[in-house]
Amino acid sequence: LNHIRSRSLKIGQKLVLTTPRFETPVEPVGNDAGEEADLSGAEYSEEDDLGPFDEDDVYWIQFEEDDEGNADLIGKWNSPEERRLFVKVVRGFLGAPYRPGGNSIRGLDCSAFVKKIYKFFDVDLPATAYEQAHVGLSIERESLEEGDLVFFNTGCAYGHVGIYIGNNEFIHASPRDRRVKVESLDSPYYDKRFIKAVRLKELETEV
């Protein structure tokens, strides 16, 4: 936001940023390294949020009204067992370190975590949380199933993403806890900021 190079920052230094106001949503800005930037998926914890969340904020309302999303599933689960295996793989990443812009087991951000998991199951997702929110089938929060993606407004539109694992819980690369962890959708911070759920794969319908 302020174009300061990372090597110019000192350990312990604190920067104060204000949330910009836009009359229309800003298009996401990405880079070749796959790092998340601007509205495309930058992550913030409660302490690092760009600004307080306001349910009556005109900017969020306009953004959500203009955002139609996608209505196409990317694929099908071969069986209920495959979906259970998917959840096991997701849980296998618990404790992995969080790193902004990271996309390896040495450190992952939220969207890289989601992208890597789904890559194991033949789904190639975009690099950022913002882009990931615009693929797949939009579903209601009450209809969540294992493997669905959940998105949150954390200081920027679709700033954070996680994978739903059932029992009203999701797994995500947490910037606050600096690791991959399980979180409840009912936790005050994420319950207030939940914005969208997306289904990428669905079980075959029994005839």
N, C-alpha and C. Protein backbone atom coordinates (compact mmCIF):
# COMPACT_ATOMS: atom_id res chain seq x y z
N LEU A 1 0.81 -1.22 0.00
CA LEU A 1 0.00 0.00 0.00
C LEU A 1 0.85 1.27 0.00
N ASN A 2 2.02 1.22 0.67
CA ASN A 2 2.83 2.43 0.75
C ASN A 2 4.15 2.31 -0.01
N HIS A 3 4.31 1.17 -0.75
CA HIS A 3 5.45 0.98 -1.65
C HIS A 3 6.80 0.95 -0.92
N ILE A 4 6.80 0.58 0.34
CA ILE A 4 8.06 0.43 1.07
C ILE A 4 8.63 -0.95 0.78
N ARG A 5 9.90 -1.01 0.45
CA ARG A 5 10.55 -2.29 0.19
C ARG A 5 10.77 -3.03 1.50
N SER A 6 10.68 -4.36 1.45
CA SER A 6 10.75 -5.14 2.68
C SER A 6 12.07 -4.94 3.41
N ARG A 7 13.18 -4.74 2.68
CA ARG A 7 14.46 -4.59 3.36
C ARG A 7 14.59 -3.23 4.05
N SER A 8 13.61 -2.34 3.82
CA SER A 8 13.64 -1.05 4.49
C SER A 8 12.98 -1.11 5.86
N LEU A 9 12.31 -2.22 6.17
CA LEU A 9 11.59 -2.35 7.43
C LEU A 9 12.51 -2.90 8.51
N LYS A 10 12.29 -2.44 9.73
CA LYS A 10 13.06 -2.88 10.87
C LYS A 10 12.22 -3.81 11.74
N ILE A 11 12.87 -4.76 12.40
CA ILE A 11 12.16 -5.67 13.30
C ILE A 11 11.52 -4.86 14.42
N GLY A 12 10.24 -5.11 14.66
CA GLY A 12 9.52 -4.40 15.71
C GLY A 12 8.88 -3.12 15.25
N GLN A 13 9.20 -2.68 14.04
CA GLN A 13 8.60 -1.45 13.53
C GLN A 13 7.12 -1.67 13.25
N LYS A 14 6.29 -0.69 13.56
CA LYS A 14 4.85 -0.79 13.32
C LYS A 14 4.43 0.27 12.30
N LEU A 15 3.69 -0.18 11.29
CA LEU A 15 3.18 0.73 10.27
C LEU A 15 1.67 0.87 10.45
N VAL A 16 1.16 2.07 10.34
CA VAL A 16 -0.27 2.31 10.45
C VAL A 16 -0.79 2.68 9.07
N LEU A 17 -1.75 1.90 8.57
CA LEU A 17 -2.31 2.14 7.25
C LEU A 17 -3.79 2.41 7.39
N THR A 18 -4.33 3.23 6.53
CA THR A 18 -5.76 3.50 6.52
C THR A 18 -6.39 2.79 5.34
N THR A 19 -7.65 2.37 5.51
CA THR A 19 -8.35 1.67 4.44
C THR A 19 -8.80 2.66 3.38
N PRO A 20 -8.40 2.47 2.11
CA PRO A 20 -8.85 3.39 1.06
C PRO A 20 -10.32 3.19 0.76
N ARG A 21 -10.97 4.22 0.29
CA ARG A 21 -12.37 4.17 -0.11
C ARG A 21 -12.45 4.16 -1.63
N PHE A 22 -13.28 3.24 -2.16
CA PHE A 22 -13.44 3.15 -3.61
C PHE A 22 -14.92 3.23 -3.95
N GLU A 23 -15.23 3.96 -5.00
CA GLU A 23 -16.62 4.01 -5.43
C GLU A 23 -17.01 2.73 -6.12
N THR A 24 -16.07 2.08 -6.75
CA THR A 24 -16.30 0.79 -7.38
C THR A 24 -15.21 -0.15 -6.93
N PRO A 25 -15.43 -1.48 -6.94
CA PRO A 25 -14.42 -2.42 -6.49
C PRO A 25 -13.14 -2.31 -7.31
N VAL A 26 -12.03 -2.43 -6.66
CA VAL A 26 -10.74 -2.39 -7.32
C VAL A 26 -10.39 -3.77 -7.84
N GLU A 27 -9.88 -3.86 -9.05
CA GLU A 27 -9.47 -5.14 -9.60
C GLU A 27 -8.25 -5.64 -8.85
N PRO A 28 -8.14 -6.98 -8.64
CA PRO A 28 -6.99 -7.51 -7.92
C PRO A 28 -5.71 -7.31 -8.68
N VAL A 29 -4.62 -7.13 -7.94
CA VAL A 29 -3.31 -6.97 -8.54
C VAL A 29 -2.45 -8.13 -8.09
N GLY A 30 -1.93 -8.91 -9.00
CA GLY A 30 -1.10 -10.06 -8.67
C GLY A 30 0.31 -9.88 -9.19
N ASN A 31 1.13 -10.93 -9.04
CA ASN A 31 2.46 -10.90 -9.60
C ASN A 31 2.87 -12.30 -9.99
N ASP A 32 3.98 -12.41 -10.70
CA ASP A 32 4.40 -13.70 -11.23
C ASP A 32 4.80 -14.68 -10.14
N ALA A 33 5.13 -14.17 -8.97
CA ALA A 33 5.55 -15.06 -7.88
C ALA A 33 4.36 -15.68 -7.18
N GLY A 34 3.15 -15.28 -7.54
CA GLY A 34 1.96 -15.85 -6.92
C GLY A 34 1.64 -15.26 -5.57
N GLU A 35 2.29 -14.17 -5.20
CA GLU A 35 2.01 -13.55 -3.91
C GLU A 35 0.68 -12.82 -3.98
N GLU A 36 0.01 -12.75 -2.84
CA GLU A 36 -1.26 -12.09 -2.78
C GLU A 36 -1.06 -10.61 -2.49
N ALA A 37 -1.83 -9.78 -3.18
CA ALA A 37 -1.67 -8.34 -2.98
C ALA A 37 -2.99 -7.63 -3.15
N ASP A 38 -3.10 -6.43 -2.59
CA ASP A 38 -4.28 -5.59 -2.67
C ASP A 38 -5.54 -6.40 -2.36
N LEU A 39 -6.58 -6.29 -3.23
CA LEU A 39 -7.83 -6.99 -2.97
C LEU A 39 -7.78 -8.45 -3.35
N SER A 40 -6.67 -8.94 -3.89
CA SER A 40 -6.65 -10.29 -4.43
C SER A 40 -6.41 -11.35 -3.40
N GLY A 41 -6.26 -11.02 -2.14
CA GLY A 41 -6.17 -12.07 -1.14
C GLY A 41 -5.20 -11.80 -0.03
N ALA A 42 -4.81 -10.57 0.21
CA ALA A 42 -3.91 -10.29 1.32
C ALA A 42 -4.58 -10.67 2.62
N GLU A 43 -3.80 -11.22 3.56
CA GLU A 43 -4.37 -11.75 4.78
C GLU A 43 -4.02 -10.86 5.95
N TYR A 44 -4.95 -10.75 6.89
CA TYR A 44 -4.72 -9.94 8.06
C TYR A 44 -5.35 -10.61 9.27
N SER A 45 -4.67 -10.55 10.39
CA SER A 45 -5.24 -11.06 11.63
C SER A 45 -6.06 -9.96 12.27
N GLU A 46 -6.65 -10.28 13.43
CA GLU A 46 -7.42 -9.26 14.14
C GLU A 46 -6.56 -8.05 14.44
N GLU A 47 -5.31 -8.29 14.82
CA GLU A 47 -4.44 -7.19 15.17
C GLU A 47 -3.94 -6.43 13.95
N ASP A 48 -3.84 -7.11 12.81
CA ASP A 48 -3.24 -6.50 11.63
C ASP A 48 -4.26 -5.98 10.63
N ASP A 49 -5.54 -6.10 10.95
CA ASP A 49 -6.59 -5.71 10.02
C ASP A 49 -6.41 -4.27 9.56
N LEU A 50 -6.70 -4.03 8.27
CA LEU A 50 -6.55 -2.69 7.73
C LEU A 50 -7.52 -1.70 8.35
N GLY A 51 -8.60 -2.18 8.88
CA GLY A 51 -9.58 -1.28 9.47
C GLY A 51 -10.69 -2.07 10.11
N PRO A 52 -11.49 -1.47 10.99
CA PRO A 52 -12.57 -2.19 11.64
C PRO A 52 -13.65 -2.59 10.65
N PHE A 53 -14.19 -3.78 10.83
CA PHE A 53 -15.25 -4.26 9.95
C PHE A 53 -16.56 -3.58 10.31
N ASP A 54 -17.27 -3.12 9.32
CA ASP A 54 -18.55 -2.43 9.55
C ASP A 54 -19.59 -3.05 8.65
N GLU A 55 -20.58 -3.71 9.24
CA GLU A 55 -21.61 -4.40 8.45
C GLU A 55 -22.40 -3.44 7.58
N ASP A 56 -22.42 -2.16 7.94
CA ASP A 56 -23.17 -1.18 7.17
C ASP A 56 -22.30 -0.44 6.17
N ASP A 57 -21.08 -0.89 6.00
CA ASP A 57 -20.15 -0.21 5.12
C ASP A 57 -20.66 -0.26 3.68
N VAL A 58 -20.85 0.90 3.06
CA VAL A 58 -21.40 0.97 1.70
C VAL A 58 -20.49 0.28 0.71
N TYR A 59 -19.17 0.35 0.96
CA TYR A 59 -18.24 -0.27 0.02
C TYR A 59 -18.45 -1.77 -0.06
N TRP A 60 -18.57 -2.44 1.11
CA TRP A 60 -18.79 -3.89 1.09
C TRP A 60 -20.11 -4.23 0.43
N ILE A 61 -21.16 -3.45 0.75
CA ILE A 61 -22.47 -3.73 0.18
C ILE A 61 -22.43 -3.64 -1.33
N GLN A 62 -21.80 -2.59 -1.87
CA GLN A 62 -21.72 -2.42 -3.31
C GLN A 62 -20.90 -3.55 -3.93
N PHE A 63 -19.80 -3.93 -3.27
CA PHE A 63 -18.95 -4.98 -3.80
C PHE A 63 -19.71 -6.29 -3.91
N GLU A 64 -20.46 -6.62 -2.86
CA GLU A 64 -21.17 -7.89 -2.84
C GLU A 64 -22.31 -7.90 -3.85
N GLU A 65 -22.96 -6.75 -4.06
CA GLU A 65 -24.04 -6.70 -5.03
C GLU A 65 -23.52 -6.85 -6.45
N ASP A 66 -22.32 -6.34 -6.71
CA ASP A 66 -21.76 -6.40 -8.06
C ASP A 66 -21.12 -7.74 -8.36
N ASP A 67 -20.85 -8.54 -7.32
CA ASP A 67 -20.12 -9.79 -7.50
C ASP A 67 -21.09 -10.94 -7.73
N GLU A 68 -21.11 -11.46 -8.95
CA GLU A 68 -22.04 -12.54 -9.28
C GLU A 68 -21.39 -13.91 -9.14
N GLY A 69 -20.07 -14.00 -9.23
CA GLY A 69 -19.38 -15.27 -9.06
C GLY A 69 -19.60 -16.21 -10.24
N ASN A 70 -19.28 -17.48 -10.02
CA ASN A 70 -19.37 -18.51 -11.04
C ASN A 70 -20.34 -19.58 -10.57
N ALA A 71 -20.94 -20.30 -11.47
CA ALA A 71 -21.95 -21.29 -11.09
C ALA A 71 -21.61 -22.68 -11.62
N ASP A 72 -20.34 -22.96 -11.86
CA ASP A 72 -19.96 -24.24 -12.44
C ASP A 72 -19.06 -25.02 -11.49
N LEU A 73 -19.43 -26.29 -11.24
CA LEU A 73 -18.55 -27.17 -10.49
C LEU A 73 -17.33 -27.50 -11.33
N ILE A 74 -16.21 -27.74 -10.67
CA ILE A 74 -14.99 -28.07 -11.40
C ILE A 74 -14.88 -29.57 -11.64
N GLY A 75 -15.49 -30.37 -10.78
CA GLY A 75 -15.39 -31.82 -10.95
C GLY A 75 -16.31 -32.55 -10.00
N LYS A 76 -16.10 -33.87 -9.91
CA LYS A 76 -16.89 -34.75 -9.05
C LYS A 76 -15.95 -35.56 -8.16
N TRP A 77 -16.39 -35.81 -6.92
CA TRP A 77 -15.68 -36.77 -6.10
C TRP A 77 -15.99 -38.16 -6.64
N ASN A 78 -14.97 -39.00 -6.74
CA ASN A 78 -15.17 -40.35 -7.25
C ASN A 78 -16.02 -41.19 -6.32
N SER A 79 -15.95 -40.89 -5.03
CA SER A 79 -16.70 -41.66 -4.03
C SER A 79 -16.65 -40.91 -2.71
N PRO A 80 -17.53 -41.28 -1.76
CA PRO A 80 -17.44 -40.68 -0.42
C PRO A 80 -16.07 -40.93 0.21
N GLU A 81 -15.46 -42.07 -0.12
CA GLU A 81 -14.14 -42.39 0.43
C GLU A 81 -13.08 -41.39 -0.04
N GLU A 82 -13.18 -40.95 -1.31
CA GLU A 82 -12.22 -39.98 -1.81
C GLU A 82 -12.35 -38.65 -1.06
N ARG A 83 -13.57 -38.27 -0.77
CA ARG A 83 -13.76 -37.01 -0.04
C ARG A 83 -13.25 -37.14 1.39
N ARG A 84 -13.43 -38.32 2.01
CA ARG A 84 -12.88 -38.52 3.35
C ARG A 84 -11.36 -38.49 3.32
N LEU A 85 -10.77 -39.04 2.25
CA LEU A 85 -9.32 -38.98 2.09
C LEU A 85 -8.86 -37.54 1.95
N PHE A 86 -9.63 -36.73 1.22
CA PHE A 86 -9.32 -35.31 1.06
C PHE A 86 -9.22 -34.64 2.43
N VAL A 87 -10.19 -34.89 3.31
CA VAL A 87 -10.17 -34.28 4.64
C VAL A 87 -8.96 -34.75 5.43
N LYS A 88 -8.59 -36.03 5.27
CA LYS A 88 -7.39 -36.54 5.95
C LYS A 88 -6.14 -35.81 5.48
N VAL A 89 -6.06 -35.57 4.18
CA VAL A 89 -4.90 -34.85 3.63
C VAL A 89 -4.87 -33.42 4.18
N VAL A 90 -6.04 -32.77 4.23
CA VAL A 90 -6.11 -31.42 4.77
C VAL A 90 -5.61 -31.41 6.22
N ARG A 91 -6.08 -32.37 7.01
CA ARG A 91 -5.66 -32.44 8.41
C ARG A 91 -4.17 -32.74 8.55
N GLY A 92 -3.61 -33.41 7.54
CA GLY A 92 -2.19 -33.73 7.57
C GLY A 92 -1.29 -32.50 7.54
N PHE A 93 -1.86 -31.36 7.17
CA PHE A 93 -1.08 -30.12 7.11
C PHE A 93 -1.15 -29.32 8.41
N LEU A 94 -1.92 -29.81 9.39
CA LEU A 94 -2.04 -29.08 10.64
C LEU A 94 -0.66 -28.84 11.26
N GLY A 95 -0.43 -27.61 11.68
CA GLY A 95 0.85 -27.25 12.27
C GLY A 95 1.88 -26.74 11.28
N ALA A 96 1.61 -26.88 9.97
CA ALA A 96 2.54 -26.35 8.97
C ALA A 96 2.68 -24.85 9.16
N PRO A 97 3.88 -24.29 8.97
CA PRO A 97 4.07 -22.86 9.24
C PRO A 97 3.38 -21.96 8.23
N TYR A 98 2.92 -20.82 8.72
CA TYR A 98 2.34 -19.80 7.87
C TYR A 98 3.44 -18.83 7.43
N ARG A 99 3.40 -18.45 6.15
CA ARG A 99 4.32 -17.42 5.65
C ARG A 99 3.62 -16.62 4.56
N PRO A 100 3.54 -15.29 4.68
CA PRO A 100 2.89 -14.47 3.65
C PRO A 100 3.54 -14.70 2.28
N GLY A 101 2.73 -15.02 1.28
CA GLY A 101 3.25 -15.26 -0.05
C GLY A 101 3.91 -16.62 -0.22
N GLY A 102 3.98 -17.42 0.85
CA GLY A 102 4.64 -18.72 0.79
C GLY A 102 3.79 -19.76 0.09
N ASN A 103 4.43 -20.68 -0.61
CA ASN A 103 3.68 -21.73 -1.29
C ASN A 103 4.39 -23.09 -1.22
N SER A 104 5.14 -23.32 -0.12
CA SER A 104 5.81 -24.61 0.07
C SER A 104 5.60 -25.05 1.51
N ILE A 105 6.00 -26.28 1.84
CA ILE A 105 5.80 -26.79 3.18
C ILE A 105 6.62 -26.02 4.21
N ARG A 106 7.58 -25.22 3.74
CA ARG A 106 8.35 -24.38 4.67
C ARG A 106 7.56 -23.16 5.11
N GLY A 107 6.46 -22.90 4.43
CA GLY A 107 5.59 -21.79 4.79
C GLY A 107 4.55 -21.55 3.72
N LEU A 108 3.30 -21.44 4.13
CA LEU A 108 2.18 -21.26 3.21
C LEU A 108 1.31 -20.09 3.66
N ASP A 109 0.72 -19.40 2.68
CA ASP A 109 -0.34 -18.49 3.05
C ASP A 109 -1.67 -19.19 2.78
N CYS A 110 -2.78 -18.52 3.05
CA CYS A 110 -4.08 -19.21 3.01
C CYS A 110 -4.42 -19.77 1.63
N SER A 111 -4.23 -18.97 0.60
CA SER A 111 -4.63 -19.42 -0.74
C SER A 111 -3.68 -20.47 -1.30
N ALA A 112 -2.39 -20.38 -0.95
CA ALA A 112 -1.43 -21.39 -1.39
C ALA A 112 -1.74 -22.74 -0.74
N PHE A 113 -2.16 -22.72 0.52
CA PHE A 113 -2.56 -23.93 1.21
C PHE A 113 -3.73 -24.60 0.49
N VAL A 114 -4.77 -23.83 0.18
CA VAL A 114 -5.93 -24.36 -0.52
C VAL A 114 -5.55 -24.88 -1.90
N LYS A 115 -4.75 -24.12 -2.61
CA LYS A 115 -4.33 -24.51 -3.96
C LYS A 115 -3.54 -25.82 -3.93
N LYS A 116 -2.63 -25.95 -2.97
CA LYS A 116 -1.79 -27.15 -2.89
C LYS A 116 -2.63 -28.39 -2.58
N ILE A 117 -3.56 -28.27 -1.64
CA ILE A 117 -4.41 -29.40 -1.27
C ILE A 117 -5.22 -29.88 -2.47
N TYR A 118 -5.86 -28.95 -3.16
CA TYR A 118 -6.71 -29.35 -4.28
C TYR A 118 -5.89 -29.86 -5.47
N LYS A 119 -4.65 -29.44 -5.57
CA LYS A 119 -3.79 -29.94 -6.65
C LYS A 119 -3.59 -31.44 -6.52
N PHE A 120 -3.55 -31.95 -5.29
CA PHE A 120 -3.42 -33.39 -5.06
C PHE A 120 -4.62 -34.15 -5.62
N PHE A 121 -5.74 -33.45 -5.79
CA PHE A 121 -6.97 -34.08 -6.25
C PHE A 121 -7.39 -33.56 -7.63
N ASP A 122 -6.37 -33.22 -8.42
CA ASP A 122 -6.54 -32.89 -9.85
C ASP A 122 -7.38 -31.64 -10.09
N VAL A 123 -7.33 -30.68 -9.18
CA VAL A 123 -7.99 -29.40 -9.39
C VAL A 123 -6.92 -28.32 -9.30
N ASP A 124 -6.75 -27.57 -10.38
CA ASP A 124 -5.75 -26.51 -10.43
C ASP A 124 -6.43 -25.17 -10.19
N LEU A 125 -6.28 -24.64 -8.99
CA LEU A 125 -6.94 -23.39 -8.62
C LEU A 125 -6.07 -22.19 -8.91
N PRO A 126 -6.68 -21.00 -9.03
CA PRO A 126 -5.89 -19.77 -9.16
C PRO A 126 -5.05 -19.54 -7.90
N ALA A 127 -4.16 -18.57 -7.96
CA ALA A 127 -3.18 -18.38 -6.89
C ALA A 127 -3.72 -17.61 -5.70
N THR A 128 -4.71 -16.75 -5.88
CA THR A 128 -5.12 -15.86 -4.79
C THR A 128 -6.51 -16.19 -4.27
N ALA A 129 -6.77 -15.78 -3.03
CA ALA A 129 -8.08 -16.02 -2.43
C ALA A 129 -9.18 -15.31 -3.23
N TYR A 130 -8.90 -14.10 -3.68
CA TYR A 130 -9.89 -13.36 -4.47
C TYR A 130 -10.29 -14.16 -5.73
N GLU A 131 -9.29 -14.69 -6.43
CA GLU A 131 -9.58 -15.46 -7.65
C GLU A 131 -10.28 -16.78 -7.31
N GLN A 132 -9.87 -17.42 -6.23
CA GLN A 132 -10.48 -18.68 -5.84
C GLN A 132 -11.95 -18.51 -5.49
N ALA A 133 -12.31 -17.33 -5.00
CA ALA A 133 -13.71 -17.06 -4.64
C ALA A 133 -14.60 -16.96 -5.88
N HIS A 134 -14.00 -16.88 -7.05
CA HIS A 134 -14.77 -16.70 -8.28
C HIS A 134 -14.74 -17.91 -9.19
N VAL A 135 -14.42 -19.08 -8.63
CA VAL A 135 -14.56 -20.33 -9.36
C VAL A 135 -15.46 -21.25 -8.54
N GLY A 136 -16.03 -22.25 -9.19
CA GLY A 136 -16.89 -23.18 -8.47
C GLY A 136 -18.30 -22.65 -8.28
N LEU A 137 -19.08 -23.40 -7.52
CA LEU A 137 -20.49 -23.12 -7.31
C LEU A 137 -20.71 -22.44 -5.97
N SER A 138 -21.27 -21.25 -5.98
CA SER A 138 -21.57 -20.54 -4.73
C SER A 138 -22.70 -21.27 -3.99
N ILE A 139 -22.52 -21.49 -2.68
CA ILE A 139 -23.51 -22.20 -1.90
C ILE A 139 -23.81 -21.41 -0.62
N GLU A 140 -24.91 -21.76 0.03
CA GLU A 140 -25.27 -21.13 1.29
C GLU A 140 -24.43 -21.71 2.42
N ARG A 141 -24.21 -20.91 3.43
CA ARG A 141 -23.43 -21.37 4.59
C ARG A 141 -24.06 -22.60 5.23
N GLU A 142 -25.39 -22.67 5.25
CA GLU A 142 -26.09 -23.79 5.86
C GLU A 142 -25.94 -25.08 5.07
N SER A 143 -25.45 -24.98 3.83
CA SER A 143 -25.33 -26.17 2.97
C SER A 143 -23.90 -26.68 2.85
N LEU A 144 -22.99 -26.17 3.68
CA LEU A 144 -21.59 -26.55 3.59
C LEU A 144 -21.37 -28.04 3.76
N GLU A 145 -20.46 -28.58 2.94
CA GLU A 145 -20.02 -29.97 3.05
C GLU A 145 -18.50 -30.00 3.04
N GLU A 146 -17.95 -31.15 3.48
CA GLU A 146 -16.50 -31.29 3.53
C GLU A 146 -15.87 -30.99 2.16
N GLY A 147 -14.83 -30.19 2.19
CA GLY A 147 -14.13 -29.84 0.95
C GLY A 147 -14.51 -28.50 0.38
N ASP A 148 -15.63 -27.92 0.83
CA ASP A 148 -16.03 -26.60 0.33
C ASP A 148 -15.07 -25.53 0.84
N LEU A 149 -14.96 -24.46 0.09
CA LEU A 149 -14.11 -23.34 0.49
C LEU A 149 -14.95 -22.28 1.18
N VAL A 150 -14.38 -21.68 2.22
CA VAL A 150 -15.06 -20.60 2.93
C VAL A 150 -14.19 -19.34 2.86
N PHE A 151 -14.84 -18.20 2.61
CA PHE A 151 -14.14 -16.94 2.38
C PHE A 151 -14.59 -15.88 3.39
N PHE A 152 -13.65 -14.99 3.70
CA PHE A 152 -13.90 -13.98 4.71
C PHE A 152 -13.38 -12.62 4.24
N ASN A 153 -14.10 -11.56 4.61
CA ASN A 153 -13.63 -10.20 4.39
C ASN A 153 -12.75 -9.81 5.58
N THR A 154 -11.46 -9.83 5.41
CA THR A 154 -10.54 -9.49 6.50
C THR A 154 -9.73 -8.28 6.09
N GLY A 155 -10.34 -7.12 6.13
CA GLY A 155 -9.66 -5.90 5.76
C GLY A 155 -9.66 -5.62 4.28
N CYS A 156 -9.91 -6.63 3.47
CA CYS A 156 -10.07 -6.45 2.03
C CYS A 156 -11.02 -7.53 1.53
N ALA A 157 -11.59 -7.33 0.36
CA ALA A 157 -12.59 -8.24 -0.16
C ALA A 157 -12.00 -9.63 -0.40
N TYR A 158 -12.66 -10.65 0.16
CA TYR A 158 -12.20 -12.03 0.04
C TYR A 158 -10.73 -12.14 0.45
N GLY A 159 -10.41 -11.55 1.60
CA GLY A 159 -9.01 -11.51 2.03
C GLY A 159 -8.51 -12.79 2.63
N HIS A 160 -9.38 -13.75 2.94
CA HIS A 160 -8.93 -14.98 3.59
C HIS A 160 -9.79 -16.15 3.14
N VAL A 161 -9.17 -17.34 3.04
CA VAL A 161 -9.87 -18.54 2.60
C VAL A 161 -9.45 -19.73 3.44
N GLY A 162 -10.38 -20.65 3.65
CA GLY A 162 -10.10 -21.89 4.35
C GLY A 162 -10.89 -23.03 3.73
N ILE A 163 -10.67 -24.25 4.23
CA ILE A 163 -11.34 -25.44 3.72
C ILE A 163 -12.26 -26.01 4.80
N TYR A 164 -13.53 -26.15 4.49
CA TYR A 164 -14.49 -26.68 5.44
C TYR A 164 -14.28 -28.17 5.63
N ILE A 165 -14.31 -28.65 6.89
CA ILE A 165 -14.05 -30.06 7.18
C ILE A 165 -15.20 -30.71 7.95
N GLY A 166 -16.33 -30.03 8.07
CA GLY A 166 -17.46 -30.58 8.80
C GLY A 166 -17.54 -30.05 10.22
N ASN A 167 -18.66 -30.32 10.89
CA ASN A 167 -18.88 -29.91 12.28
C ASN A 167 -18.69 -28.40 12.47
N ASN A 168 -19.02 -27.64 11.45
CA ASN A 168 -18.93 -26.17 11.50
C ASN A 168 -17.49 -25.69 11.69
N GLU A 169 -16.51 -26.48 11.23
CA GLU A 169 -15.10 -26.15 11.38
C GLU A 169 -14.42 -26.05 10.01
N PHE A 170 -13.38 -25.24 9.95
CA PHE A 170 -12.57 -25.16 8.73
C PHE A 170 -11.10 -25.14 9.13
N ILE A 171 -10.26 -25.54 8.18
CA ILE A 171 -8.81 -25.51 8.38
C ILE A 171 -8.23 -24.45 7.47
N HIS A 172 -7.31 -23.66 8.00
CA HIS A 172 -6.73 -22.57 7.21
C HIS A 172 -5.32 -22.28 7.69
N ALA A 173 -4.56 -21.60 6.85
CA ALA A 173 -3.25 -21.10 7.24
C ALA A 173 -3.48 -19.76 7.93
N SER A 174 -3.34 -19.76 9.24
CA SER A 174 -3.72 -18.61 10.05
C SER A 174 -2.57 -17.62 10.19
N PRO A 175 -2.76 -16.37 9.73
CA PRO A 175 -1.70 -15.36 9.88
C PRO A 175 -1.49 -14.96 11.33
N ARG A 176 -2.54 -15.08 12.15
CA ARG A 176 -2.41 -14.69 13.55
C ARG A 176 -1.62 -15.74 14.34
N ASP A 177 -1.91 -17.01 14.10
CA ASP A 177 -1.24 -18.08 14.84
C ASP A 177 -0.01 -18.61 14.12
N ARG A 178 0.23 -18.11 12.91
CA ARG A 178 1.44 -18.44 12.14
C ARG A 178 1.55 -19.92 11.84
N ARG A 179 0.41 -20.58 11.65
CA ARG A 179 0.42 -22.01 11.35
C ARG A 179 -0.93 -22.42 10.78
N VAL A 180 -0.97 -23.63 10.21
CA VAL A 180 -2.23 -24.20 9.74
C VAL A 180 -2.97 -24.76 10.94
N LYS A 181 -4.24 -24.38 11.10
CA LYS A 181 -4.97 -24.79 12.29
C LYS A 181 -6.46 -24.94 11.98
N VAL A 182 -7.17 -25.58 12.92
CA VAL A 182 -8.62 -25.73 12.83
C VAL A 182 -9.27 -24.52 13.52
N GLU A 183 -10.34 -24.02 12.92
CA GLU A 183 -11.07 -22.88 13.49
C GLU A 183 -12.56 -23.14 13.35
N SER A 184 -13.33 -22.60 14.26
CA SER A 184 -14.79 -22.71 14.17
C SER A 184 -15.36 -21.53 13.38
N LEU A 185 -16.34 -21.82 12.55
CA LEU A 185 -17.03 -20.75 11.83
C LEU A 185 -17.80 -19.85 12.78
N ASP A 186 -18.07 -20.35 13.99
CA ASP A 186 -18.80 -19.56 14.97
C ASP A 186 -17.90 -18.69 15.83
N SER A 187 -16.58 -18.78 15.64
CA SER A 187 -15.70 -17.90 16.40
C SER A 187 -16.05 -16.45 16.04
N PRO A 188 -16.08 -15.56 17.02
CA PRO A 188 -16.57 -14.19 16.77
C PRO A 188 -15.91 -13.50 15.58
N TYR A 189 -14.59 -13.64 15.45
CA TYR A 189 -13.88 -12.94 14.39
C TYR A 189 -14.33 -13.43 13.00
N TYR A 190 -14.36 -14.75 12.80
CA TYR A 190 -14.68 -15.28 11.47
C TYR A 190 -16.18 -15.32 11.21
N ASP A 191 -16.99 -15.50 12.24
CA ASP A 191 -18.43 -15.47 12.05
C ASP A 191 -18.87 -14.11 11.52
N LYS A 192 -18.28 -13.05 12.06
CA LYS A 192 -18.64 -11.69 11.65
C LYS A 192 -18.16 -11.37 10.24
N ARG A 193 -17.08 -12.02 9.81
CA ARG A 193 -16.47 -11.67 8.53
C ARG A 193 -16.73 -12.68 7.42
N PHE A 194 -17.48 -13.73 7.72
CA PHE A 194 -17.82 -14.71 6.67
C PHE A 194 -18.57 -14.02 5.54
N ILE A 195 -18.16 -14.31 4.30
CA ILE A 195 -18.77 -13.63 3.16
C ILE A 195 -19.30 -14.59 2.10
N LYS A 196 -18.66 -15.76 1.96
CA LYS A 196 -19.05 -16.62 0.84
C LYS A 196 -18.54 -18.04 1.06
N ALA A 197 -19.27 -19.01 0.47
CA ALA A 197 -18.82 -20.40 0.43
C ALA A 197 -18.90 -20.89 -1.00
N VAL A 198 -17.94 -21.72 -1.39
CA VAL A 198 -17.85 -22.20 -2.77
C VAL A 198 -17.63 -23.71 -2.77
N ARG A 199 -18.33 -24.41 -3.62
CA ARG A 199 -18.14 -25.85 -3.80
C ARG A 199 -17.43 -26.09 -5.13
N LEU A 200 -16.34 -26.83 -5.07
CA LEU A 200 -15.56 -27.13 -6.27
C LEU A 200 -15.90 -28.51 -6.85
N LYS A 201 -16.12 -29.49 -5.96
CA LYS A 201 -16.42 -30.85 -6.40
C LYS A 201 -17.64 -31.36 -5.62
N GLU A 202 -18.40 -32.22 -6.27
CA GLU A 202 -19.62 -32.74 -5.67
C GLU A 202 -19.68 -34.24 -5.88
N LEU A 203 -20.35 -34.94 -4.94
CA LEU A 203 -20.53 -36.38 -5.10
C LEU A 203 -21.52 -36.68 -6.21
N GLU A 204 -21.30 -37.78 -6.90
CA GLU A 204 -22.24 -38.20 -7.92
C GLU A 204 -23.60 -38.48 -7.27
N THR A 205 -24.68 -38.03 -7.92
CA THR A 205 -26.01 -38.26 -7.41
C THR A 205 -26.43 -39.70 -7.66
N GLU A 206 -26.90 -40.35 -6.60
CA GLU A 206 -27.33 -41.74 -6.76
C GLU A 206 -28.64 -41.77 -7.53
N VAL A 207 -28.76 -42.76 -8.44
CA VAL A 207 -29.96 -42.91 -9.25
C VAL A 207 -30.86 -43.95 -8.64
